[in-house]
Amino acid sequence: MVIGVRKLLILSVLLTCCGGGTTPSPVLVPTASNAENACKILEFYGCAVAKPNERGESCAAVFGRVEGPGYMPARSACIVRNSDSLDAIRKCGVKC
């Protein structure tokens, strides 16, 4: 199911205003890949892995390289599914 950008923004505002004091999650771009959204989430929480690595590769490029067929499970998808809290993200195997 694809949510329009306008609906996503309205939902984000409503959840932020009426969320009962919870920490807002980062706003995800519906058309972005899991890797791009995972990197936005990691950046939101201040994780060092959201920054380019020592070779200058972006966070999304690293996810793309290590999540190919035959490699590790899609950690970026886990991060996107569990973006509610830093503890939930850490269960995806991310050091942050």
Protein backbone atom coordinates (compact mmCIF):
# COMPACT_ATOMS: atom_id res chain seq x y z
CA MET A 1 0.00 0.00 0.00
CA VAL A 2 1.45 3.32 -1.03
CA ILE A 3 0.64 6.34 1.11
CA GLY A 4 0.65 9.73 -0.57
CA VAL A 5 3.12 12.30 0.69
CA ARG A 6 0.32 14.64 1.80
CA LYS A 7 -1.38 11.87 3.79
CA LEU A 8 1.96 10.86 5.31
CA LEU A 9 2.65 14.44 6.42
CA ILE A 10 -0.83 14.82 7.91
CA LEU A 11 -0.45 11.52 9.73
CA SER A 12 2.97 12.58 11.04
CA VAL A 13 1.58 15.87 12.36
CA LEU A 14 -1.35 14.13 14.02
CA LEU A 15 0.86 11.52 15.63
CA THR A 16 3.32 14.16 16.81
CA CYS A 17 0.61 16.39 18.26
CA CYS A 18 -1.53 13.64 19.73
CA GLY A 19 1.02 10.93 20.41
CA GLY A 20 0.88 11.19 24.19
CA GLY A 21 4.40 12.57 24.61
CA THR A 22 6.26 9.85 22.73
CA THR A 23 9.40 10.66 20.79
CA PRO A 24 8.45 11.20 17.15
CA SER A 25 9.92 8.81 14.62
CA PRO A 26 11.69 10.22 11.58
CA VAL A 27 9.43 10.91 8.61
CA LEU A 28 10.15 8.32 5.93
CA VAL A 29 9.94 9.01 2.23
CA PRO A 30 7.49 6.51 0.68
CA THR A 31 9.38 6.30 -2.61
CA ALA A 32 12.83 5.79 -1.05
CA SER A 33 14.45 2.40 -0.71
CA ASN A 34 14.69 0.60 2.62
CA ALA A 35 18.39 1.45 2.66
CA GLU A 36 17.76 5.18 2.23
CA ASN A 37 15.02 5.19 4.86
CA ALA A 38 17.13 3.11 7.25
CA CYS A 39 19.94 5.65 6.90
CA LYS A 40 17.53 8.51 7.65
CA ILE A 41 16.40 6.68 10.79
CA LEU A 42 19.98 6.00 11.89
CA GLU A 43 20.85 9.66 11.29
CA PHE A 44 17.77 10.71 13.32
CA TYR A 45 19.08 8.71 16.28
CA GLY A 46 22.63 10.04 15.83
CA CYS A 47 24.20 6.72 14.88
CA ALA A 48 27.72 6.88 13.47
CA VAL A 49 26.88 4.26 10.81
CA ALA A 50 24.62 6.84 9.12
CA LYS A 51 27.74 8.79 8.10
CA PRO A 52 29.99 7.86 5.16
CA ASN A 53 32.57 5.19 6.01
CA GLU A 54 36.35 5.60 5.80
CA ARG A 55 36.23 4.87 2.04
CA GLY A 56 33.65 7.61 1.53
CA GLU A 57 30.75 5.22 0.82
CA SER A 58 27.37 6.52 1.90
CA CYS A 59 25.26 4.62 4.40
CA ALA A 60 22.80 3.60 1.64
CA ALA A 61 25.64 2.41 -0.61
CA VAL A 62 26.99 0.19 2.16
CA PHE A 63 23.55 -1.32 2.76
CA GLY A 64 23.19 -1.90 -0.98
CA ARG A 65 26.54 -3.68 -1.13
CA VAL A 66 26.08 -5.94 1.90
CA GLU A 67 22.39 -6.76 1.42
CA GLY A 68 22.65 -8.26 -2.03
CA PRO A 69 21.49 -11.80 -2.83
CA GLY A 70 23.43 -14.42 -0.91
CA TYR A 71 24.59 -11.97 1.74
CA MET A 72 23.22 -10.94 5.11
CA PRO A 73 19.47 -10.55 5.65
CA ALA A 74 17.99 -7.17 4.88
CA ARG A 75 19.03 -5.28 8.01
CA SER A 76 17.73 -2.03 6.51
CA ALA A 77 14.19 -3.49 6.33
CA CYS A 78 14.46 -4.46 10.01
CA ILE A 79 15.51 -0.91 10.90
CA VAL A 80 12.58 0.59 8.97
CA ARG A 81 10.11 -1.82 10.64
CA ASN A 82 11.50 -1.07 14.11
CA SER A 83 12.08 2.69 13.89
CA ASP A 84 10.00 3.41 17.01
CA SER A 85 12.97 3.32 19.37
CA LEU A 86 16.71 3.00 19.47
CA ASP A 87 16.42 -0.20 21.52
CA ALA A 88 14.27 -1.76 18.79
CA ILE A 89 16.82 -0.76 16.15
CA ARG A 90 19.65 -2.30 18.15
CA LYS A 91 17.79 -5.65 17.97
CA CYS A 92 18.43 -5.47 14.22
CA GLY A 93 22.15 -5.83 14.91
CA VAL A 94 23.04 -2.15 14.59
CA LYS A 95 25.59 -0.61 16.94
CA CYS A 96 24.42 2.85 17.85
